[in-house]
PDB file of N, CA and C in Angstrom:
ATOM      1  N   MET A   1      24.684   3.451 104.042  1.00  0.00           N
ATOM      2  CA  MET A   1      24.016   4.730 103.967  1.00  0.00           C
ATOM      3  C   MET A   1      23.611   5.175 105.365  1.00  0.00           C
ATOM      4  N   LYS A   2      23.660   6.437 105.577  1.00  0.00           N
ATOM      5  CA  LYS A   2      23.198   6.982 106.838  1.00  0.00           C
ATOM      6  C   LYS A   2      21.673   7.000 106.852  1.00  0.00           C
ATOM      7  N   SER A   3      21.124   6.570 107.981  1.00  0.00           N
ATOM      8  CA  SER A   3      19.678   6.678 108.100  1.00  0.00           C
ATOM      9  C   SER A   3      19.343   8.107 108.503  1.00  0.00           C
ATOM     10  N   GLU A   4      18.120   8.480 108.343  1.00  0.00           N
ATOM     11  CA  GLU A   4      17.593   9.792 108.698  1.00  0.00           C
ATOM     12  C   GLU A   4      17.914  10.901 107.694  1.00  0.00           C
ATOM     13  N   ILE A   5      18.785  10.665 106.703  1.00  0.00           N
ATOM     14  CA  ILE A   5      19.060  11.732 105.737  1.00  0.00           C
ATOM     15  C   ILE A   5      18.460  11.429 104.370  1.00  0.00           C
ATOM     16  N   HIS A   6      18.037  10.194 104.141  1.00  0.00           N
ATOM     17  CA  HIS A   6      17.469   9.812 102.854  1.00  0.00           C
ATOM     18  C   HIS A   6      15.952   9.720 102.968  1.00  0.00           C
ATOM     19  N   PRO A   7      15.228  10.076 101.909  1.00  0.00           N
ATOM     20  CA  PRO A   7      13.762   9.960 101.953  1.00  0.00           C
ATOM     21  C   PRO A   7      13.338   8.493 101.985  1.00  0.00           C
ATOM     22  N   VAL A   8      12.180   8.256 102.496  1.00  0.00           N
ATOM     23  CA  VAL A   8      11.641   6.898 102.586  1.00  0.00           C
ATOM     24  C   VAL A   8      11.037   6.529 101.238  1.00  0.00           C
ATOM     25  N   ASN A   9      11.458   5.387 100.703  1.00  0.00           N
ATOM     26  CA  ASN A   9      10.921   4.888  99.436  1.00  0.00           C
ATOM     27  C   ASN A   9       9.817   3.883  99.712  1.00  0.00           C
ATOM     28  N   HIS A  10       8.807   3.899  98.848  1.00  0.00           N
ATOM     29  CA  HIS A  10       7.662   3.007  98.981  1.00  0.00           C
ATOM     30  C   HIS A  10       7.491   2.248  97.672  1.00  0.00           C
ATOM     31  N   PRO A  11       6.943   1.036  97.729  1.00  0.00           N
ATOM     32  CA  PRO A  11       6.622   0.339  96.482  1.00  0.00           C
ATOM     33  C   PRO A  11       5.465   1.066  95.780  1.00  0.00           C
ATOM     34  N   VAL A  12       5.636   1.280  94.491  1.00  0.00           N
ATOM     35  CA  VAL A  12       4.665   2.056  93.718  1.00  0.00           C
ATOM     36  C   VAL A  12       4.322   1.305  92.443  1.00  0.00           C
ATOM     37  N   LEU A  13       3.071   1.382  92.048  1.00  0.00           N
ATOM     38  CA  LEU A  13       2.621   0.854  90.762  1.00  0.00           C
ATOM     39  C   LEU A  13       2.293   2.051  89.884  1.00  0.00           C
ATOM     40  N   PHE A  14       3.073   2.256  88.834  1.00  0.00           N
ATOM     41  CA  PHE A  14       2.828   3.350  87.899  1.00  0.00           C
ATOM     42  C   PHE A  14       1.858   2.858  86.830  1.00  0.00           C
ATOM     43  N   VAL A  15       0.849   3.661  86.524  1.00  0.00           N
ATOM     44  CA  VAL A  15      -0.175   3.279  85.551  1.00  0.00           C
ATOM     45  C   VAL A  15      -0.262   4.362  84.487  1.00  0.00           C
ATOM     46  N   ASP A  16      -0.085   3.944  83.231  1.00  0.00           N
ATOM     47  CA  ASP A  16      -0.219   4.845  82.089  1.00  0.00           C
ATOM     48  C   ASP A  16      -1.194   4.199  81.114  1.00  0.00           C
ATOM     49  N   GLY A  17      -2.455   4.503  81.285  1.00  0.00           N
ATOM     50  CA  GLY A  17      -3.479   3.882  80.435  1.00  0.00           C
ATOM     51  C   GLY A  17      -3.564   2.401  80.724  1.00  0.00           C
ATOM     52  N   GLU A  18      -3.236   1.577  79.742  1.00  0.00           N
ATOM     53  CA  GLU A  18      -3.287   0.132  79.928  1.00  0.00           C
ATOM     54  C   GLU A  18      -1.955  -0.453  80.362  1.00  0.00           C
ATOM     55  N   HIS A  19      -0.897   0.346  80.423  1.00  0.00           N
ATOM     56  CA  HIS A  19       0.429  -0.119  80.823  1.00  0.00           C
ATOM     57  C   HIS A  19       0.632   0.112  82.307  1.00  0.00           C
ATOM     58  N   GLU A  20       1.186  -0.886  82.975  1.00  0.00           N
ATOM     59  CA  GLU A  20       1.475  -0.797  84.400  1.00  0.00           C
ATOM     60  C   GLU A  20       2.866  -1.358  84.651  1.00  0.00           C
ATOM     61  N   TRP A  21       3.613  -0.755  85.556  1.00  0.00           N
ATOM     62  CA  TRP A  21       4.899  -1.291  85.957  1.00  0.00           C
ATOM     63  C   TRP A  21       5.171  -0.904  87.404  1.00  0.00           C
ATOM     64  N   GLN A  22       5.948  -1.757  88.057  1.00  0.00           N
ATOM     65  CA  GLN A  22       6.242  -1.561  89.468  1.00  0.00           C
ATOM     66  C   GLN A  22       7.586  -0.878  89.631  1.00  0.00           C
ATOM     67  N   GLY A  23       7.694  -0.128  90.711  1.00  0.00           N
ATOM     68  CA  GLY A  23       8.942   0.535  91.029  1.00  0.00           C
ATOM     69  C   GLY A  23       8.900   1.022  92.458  1.00  0.00           C
ATOM     70  N   ILE A  24       9.873   1.851  92.799  1.00  0.00           N
ATOM     71  CA  ILE A  24       9.880   2.463  94.115  1.00  0.00           C
ATOM     72  C   ILE A  24       9.934   3.968  93.941  1.00  0.00           C
ATOM     73  N   SER A  25       9.341   4.670  94.874  1.00  0.00           N
ATOM     74  CA  SER A  25       9.292   6.118  94.794  1.00  0.00           C
ATOM     75  C   SER A  25       9.009   6.673  96.174  1.00  0.00           C
ATOM     76  N   THR A  26       9.224   7.953  96.317  1.00  0.00           N
ATOM     77  CA  THR A  26       8.877   8.640  97.564  1.00  0.00           C
ATOM     78  C   THR A  26       7.432   9.110  97.536  1.00  0.00           C
ATOM     79  N   MET A  27       6.758   8.949  96.412  1.00  0.00           N
ATOM     80  CA  MET A  27       5.379   9.416  96.268  1.00  0.00           C
ATOM     81  C   MET A  27       4.412   8.464  96.957  1.00  0.00           C
ATOM     82  N   LYS A  28       3.349   9.044  97.502  1.00  0.00           N
ATOM     83  CA  LYS A  28       2.264   8.278  98.101  1.00  0.00           C
ATOM     84  C   LYS A  28       0.950   8.770  97.515  1.00  0.00           C
ATOM     85  N   THR A  29       0.008   7.853  97.370  1.00  0.00           N
ATOM     86  CA  THR A  29      -1.329   8.242  96.916  1.00  0.00           C
ATOM     87  C   THR A  29      -2.359   7.554  97.798  1.00  0.00           C
ATOM     88  N   ALA A  30      -3.600   7.988  97.667  1.00  0.00           N
ATOM     89  CA  ALA A  30      -4.674   7.379  98.441  1.00  0.00           C
ATOM     90  C   ALA A  30      -5.053   6.013  97.888  1.00  0.00           C
ATOM     91  N   GLU A  31      -4.825   5.822  96.586  1.00  0.00           N
ATOM     92  CA  GLU A  31      -5.181   4.552  95.943  1.00  0.00           C
ATOM     93  C   GLU A  31      -4.045   3.550  96.113  1.00  0.00           C
ATOM     94  N   THR A  32      -4.384   2.349  96.533  1.00  0.00           N
ATOM     95  CA  THR A  32      -3.385   1.297  96.691  1.00  0.00           C
ATOM     96  C   THR A  32      -3.876   0.021  96.024  1.00  0.00           C
ATOM     97  N   ARG A  33      -2.925  -0.860  95.731  1.00  0.00           N
ATOM     98  CA  ARG A  33      -3.253  -2.158  95.150  1.00  0.00           C
ATOM     99  C   ARG A  33      -2.257  -3.175  95.709  1.00  0.00           C
ATOM    100  N   VAL A  34      -2.735  -4.334  96.058  1.00  0.00           N
ATOM    101  CA  VAL A  34      -1.877  -5.387  96.609  1.00  0.00           C
ATOM    102  C   VAL A  34      -1.389  -6.261  95.463  1.00  0.00           C
ATOM    103  N   ILE A  35      -0.063  -6.388  95.347  1.00  0.00           N
ATOM    104  CA  ILE A  35       0.556  -7.219  94.315  1.00  0.00           C
ATOM    105  C   ILE A  35       1.541  -8.148  95.015  1.00  0.00           C
ATOM    106  N   ASP A  36       1.353  -9.437  94.852  1.00  0.00           N
ATOM    107  CA  ASP A  36       2.199 -10.454  95.485  1.00  0.00           C
ATOM    108  C   ASP A  36       2.293 -10.251  96.988  1.00  0.00           C
ATOM    109  N   GLY A  37       1.202  -9.854  97.613  1.00  0.00           N
ATOM    110  CA  GLY A  37       1.166  -9.676  99.050  1.00  0.00           C
ATOM    111  C   GLY A  37       1.766  -8.373  99.560  1.00  0.00           C
ATOM    112  N   ILE A  38       2.193  -7.506  98.664  1.00  0.00           N
ATOM    113  CA  ILE A  38       2.786  -6.220  99.042  1.00  0.00           C
ATOM    114  C   ILE A  38       1.862  -5.107  98.570  1.00  0.00           C
ATOM    115  N   GLU A  39       1.570  -4.179  99.470  1.00  0.00           N
ATOM    116  CA  GLU A  39       0.699  -3.064  99.126  1.00  0.00           C
ATOM    117  C   GLU A  39       1.500  -1.988  98.386  1.00  0.00           C
ATOM    118  N   HIS A  40       1.059  -1.661  97.173  1.00  0.00           N
ATOM    119  CA  HIS A  40       1.712  -0.659  96.334  1.00  0.00           C
ATOM    120  C   HIS A  40       0.814   0.570  96.232  1.00  0.00           C
ATOM    121  N   TYR A  41       1.419   1.741  96.254  1.00  0.00           N
ATOM    122  CA  TYR A  41       0.673   2.967  95.964  1.00  0.00           C
ATOM    123  C   TYR A  41       0.521   3.062  94.452  1.00  0.00           C
ATOM    124  N   VAL A  42      -0.647   3.449  93.983  1.00  0.00           N
ATOM    125  CA  VAL A  42      -0.922   3.537  92.550  1.00  0.00           C
ATOM    126  C   VAL A  42      -0.755   4.989  92.113  1.00  0.00           C
ATOM    127  N   VAL A  43       0.162   5.221  91.176  1.00  0.00           N
ATOM    128  CA  VAL A  43       0.424   6.561  90.654  1.00  0.00           C
ATOM    129  C   VAL A  43       0.057   6.566  89.175  1.00  0.00           C
ATOM    130  N   HIS A  44      -0.912   7.380  88.803  1.00  0.00           N
ATOM    131  CA  HIS A  44      -1.317   7.510  87.401  1.00  0.00           C
ATOM    132  C   HIS A  44      -0.444   8.576  86.742  1.00  0.00           C
ATOM    133  N   VAL A  45       0.178   8.222  85.625  1.00  0.00           N
ATOM    134  CA  VAL A  45       1.009   9.162  84.883  1.00  0.00           C
ATOM    135  C   VAL A  45       0.388   9.405  83.516  1.00  0.00           C
ATOM    136  N   GLU A  46       0.595  10.613  82.984  1.00  0.00           N
ATOM    137  CA  GLU A  46       0.016  10.957  81.681  1.00  0.00           C
ATOM    138  C   GLU A  46       0.857  10.441  80.532  1.00  0.00           C
ATOM    139  N   ILE A  47       2.162  10.533  80.663  1.00  0.00           N
ATOM    140  CA  ILE A  47       3.057  10.126  79.582  1.00  0.00           C
ATOM    141  C   ILE A  47       4.188   9.297  80.168  1.00  0.00           C
ATOM    142  N   SER A  48       4.505   8.214  79.480  1.00  0.00           N
ATOM    143  CA  SER A  48       5.624   7.369  79.878  1.00  0.00           C
ATOM    144  C   SER A  48       6.340   6.896  78.616  1.00  0.00           C
ATOM    145  N   ALA A  49       7.325   6.045  78.789  1.00  0.00           N
ATOM    146  CA  ALA A  49       8.033   5.509  77.635  1.00  0.00           C
ATOM    147  C   ALA A  49       7.121   4.631  76.776  1.00  0.00           C
ATOM    148  N   PHE A  50       6.010   4.151  77.343  1.00  0.00           N
ATOM    149  CA  PHE A  50       5.070   3.332  76.574  1.00  0.00           C
ATOM    150  C   PHE A  50       4.222   4.174  75.628  1.00  0.00           C
ATOM    151  N   THR A  51       3.970   5.454  75.972  1.00  0.00           N
ATOM    152  CA  THR A  51       3.049   6.259  75.172  1.00  0.00           C
ATOM    153  C   THR A  51       3.669   7.507  74.568  1.00  0.00           C
ATOM    154  N   HIS A  52       4.865   7.893  74.963  1.00  0.00           N
ATOM    155  CA  HIS A  52       5.464   9.109  74.425  1.00  0.00           C
ATOM    156  C   HIS A  52       5.875   8.877  72.977  1.00  0.00           C
ATOM    157  N   PRO A  53       5.541   9.786  72.071  1.00  0.00           N
ATOM    158  CA  PRO A  53       5.838   9.587  70.650  1.00  0.00           C
ATOM    159  C   PRO A  53       7.324   9.375  70.347  1.00  0.00           C
ATOM    160  N   PHE A  54       8.213   9.965  71.125  1.00  0.00           N
ATOM    161  CA  PHE A  54       9.648   9.791  70.867  1.00  0.00           C
ATOM    162  C   PHE A  54      10.063   8.340  71.068  1.00  0.00           C
ATOM    163  N   TYR A  55       9.557   7.705  72.112  1.00  0.00           N
ATOM    164  CA  TYR A  55       9.947   6.337  72.415  1.00  0.00           C
ATOM    165  C   TYR A  55       9.179   5.302  71.608  1.00  0.00           C
ATOM    166  N   THR A  56       7.967   5.621  71.175  1.00  0.00           N
ATOM    167  CA  THR A  56       7.166   4.651  70.430  1.00  0.00           C
ATOM    168  C   THR A  56       7.457   4.683  68.937  1.00  0.00           C
ATOM    169  N   GLY A  57       8.200   5.678  68.461  1.00  0.00           N
ATOM    170  CA  GLY A  57       8.506   5.770  67.044  1.00  0.00           C
ATOM    171  C   GLY A  57       7.396   6.377  66.223  1.00  0.00           C
ATOM    172  N   GLN A  58       6.393   6.955  66.854  1.00  0.00           N
ATOM    173  CA  GLN A  58       5.272   7.543  66.135  1.00  0.00           C
ATOM    174  C   GLN A  58       5.433   9.039  65.943  1.00  0.00           C
ATOM    175  N   LYS A  59       6.598   9.557  66.277  1.00  0.00           N
ATOM    176  CA  LYS A  59       6.831  10.986  66.138  1.00  0.00           C
ATOM    177  C   LYS A  59       6.799  11.350  64.658  1.00  0.00           C
ATOM    178  N   LYS A  60       6.079  12.388  64.349  1.00  0.00           N
ATOM    179  CA  LYS A  60       5.957  12.829  62.962  1.00  0.00           C
ATOM    180  C   LYS A  60       7.180  13.665  62.601  1.00  0.00           C
ATOM    181  N   ILE A  61       7.870  13.261  61.576  1.00  0.00           N
ATOM    182  CA  ILE A  61       9.035  13.996  61.095  1.00  0.00           C
ATOM    183  C   ILE A  61       8.689  14.553  59.721  1.00  0.00           C
ATOM    184  N   VAL A  62       8.986  15.810  59.512  1.00  0.00           N
ATOM    185  CA  VAL A  62       8.703  16.427  58.221  1.00  0.00           C
ATOM    186  C   VAL A  62       9.610  15.770  57.186  1.00  0.00           C
ATOM    187  N   ASP A  63       9.011  15.277  56.128  1.00  0.00           N
ATOM    188  CA  ASP A  63       9.814  14.616  55.112  1.00  0.00           C
ATOM    189  C   ASP A  63      10.605  15.630  54.302  1.00  0.00           C
ATOM    190  N   THR A  64      11.743  15.195  53.769  1.00  0.00           N
ATOM    191  CA  THR A  64      12.609  16.109  53.025  1.00  0.00           C
ATOM    192  C   THR A  64      11.964  16.551  51.724  1.00  0.00           C
ATOM    193  N   ALA A  65      11.136  15.701  51.128  1.00  0.00           N
ATOM    194  CA  ALA A  65      10.463  16.092  49.883  1.00  0.00           C
ATOM    195  C   ALA A  65       9.550  17.282  50.143  1.00  0.00           C
ATOM    196  N   GLY A  66       8.862  17.278  51.245  1.00  0.00           N
ATOM    197  CA  GLY A  66       8.001  18.405  51.600  1.00  0.00           C
ATOM    198  C   GLY A  66       8.802  19.673  51.802  1.00  0.00           C
ATOM    199  N   ARG A  67       9.958  19.561  52.379  1.00  0.00           N
ATOM    200  CA  ARG A  67      10.816  20.727  52.586  1.00  0.00           C
ATOM    201  C   ARG A  67      11.341  21.263  51.260  1.00  0.00           C
ATOM    202  N   VAL A  68      11.721  20.349  50.377  1.00  0.00           N
ATOM    203  CA  VAL A  68      12.235  20.776  49.070  1.00  0.00           C
ATOM    204  C   VAL A  68      11.135  21.461  48.277  1.00  0.00           C
ATOM    205  N   GLU A  69       9.935  20.887  48.284  1.00  0.00           N
ATOM    206  CA  GLU A  69       8.815  21.496  47.552  1.00  0.00           C
ATOM    207  C   GLU A  69       8.496  22.880  48.111  1.00  0.00           C
ATOM    208  N   LYS A  70       8.523  23.020  49.399  1.00  0.00           N
ATOM    209  CA  LYS A  70       8.268  24.322  50.021  1.00  0.00           C
ATOM    210  C   LYS A  70       9.345  25.326  49.611  1.00  0.00           C
ATOM    211  N   PHE A  71      10.590  24.889  49.583  1.00  0.00           N
ATOM    212  CA  PHE A  71      11.691  25.757  49.163  1.00  0.00           C
ATOM    213  C   PHE A  71      11.510  26.187  47.704  1.00  0.00           C
ATOM    214  N   MET A  72      11.171  25.228  46.859  1.00  0.00           N
ATOM    215  CA  MET A  72      11.008  25.541  45.438  1.00  0.00           C
ATOM    216  C   MET A  72       9.842  26.501  45.217  1.00  0.00           C
ATOM    217  N   ARG A  73       8.754  26.338  45.932  1.00  0.00           N
ATOM    218  CA  ARG A  73       7.634  27.270  45.795  1.00  0.00           C
ATOM    219  C   ARG A  73       8.030  28.669  46.247  1.00  0.00           C
ATOM    220  N   ARG A  74       8.781  28.742  47.312  1.00  0.00           N
ATOM    221  CA  ARG A  74       9.151  30.038  47.873  1.00  0.00           C
ATOM    222  C   ARG A  74      10.123  30.791  46.958  1.00  0.00           C
ATOM    223  N   TYR A  75      11.083  30.077  46.389  1.00  0.00           N
ATOM    224  CA  TYR A  75      12.123  30.744  45.618  1.00  0.00           C
ATOM    225  C   TYR A  75      12.026  30.495  44.117  1.00  0.00           C
ATOM    226  N   ALA A  76      10.940  29.931  43.623  1.00  0.00           N
ATOM    227  CA  ALA A  76      10.794  29.654  42.186  1.00  0.00           C
ATOM    228  C   ALA A  76      10.728  30.954  41.389  1.00  0.00           C
ATOM    229  N   ASN A  77      10.109  31.981  41.910  1.00  0.00           N
ATOM    230  CA  ASN A  77       9.996  33.232  41.181  1.00  0.00           C
ATOM    231  C   ASN A  77      11.327  33.965  41.077  1.00  0.00           C
ATOM    232  N   GLN A  78      12.265  33.691  41.934  1.00  0.00           N
ATOM    233  CA  GLN A  78      13.534  34.404  41.921  1.00  0.00           C
ATOM    234  C   GLN A  78      14.465  33.914  40.823  1.00  0.00           C
ATOM    235  N   GLU A  79      14.247  32.702  40.287  1.00  0.00           N
ATOM    236  CA  GLU A  79      15.096  32.204  39.230  1.00  0.00           C
ATOM    237  C   GLU A  79      14.933  33.042  37.955  1.00  0.00           C
ATOM    238  N   GLY A  80      13.737  33.507  37.672  1.00  0.00           N
ATOM    239  CA  GLY A  80      13.486  34.296  36.484  1.00  0.00           C
ATOM    240  C   GLY A  80      14.070  35.703  36.596  1.00  0.00           C
ATOM    241  N   LYS A  81      14.321  36.190  37.787  1.00  0.00           N
ATOM    242  CA  LYS A  81      14.835  37.552  37.988  1.00  0.00           C
ATOM    243  C   LYS A  81      16.319  37.654  37.676  1.00  0.00           C
ATOM    244  N   LYS A  82      17.047  36.541  37.709  1.00  0.00           N
ATOM    245  CA  LYS A  82      18.493  36.589  37.505  1.00  0.00           C
ATOM    246  C   LYS A  82      18.799  36.863  36.098  1.00  0.00           C
TER     247      LYS A  82
END
């Protein structure tokens, strides 16, 4: 790789509530933490794969029974008109 054209990467500790993981990033913060003798910048994130409903399986999906009941309520009066 050519030097001088790529951004400088730093060791980073990403924190999402009680979950923490290490990585590299171009981001810097004022908060740092030493892990295994290496100083990491601490980046607090709001949502990650640990807490996002899509990845945790807690996403609420409308059940088909609810959809059918809603359909029947909406169009139940039209059956008598035929």
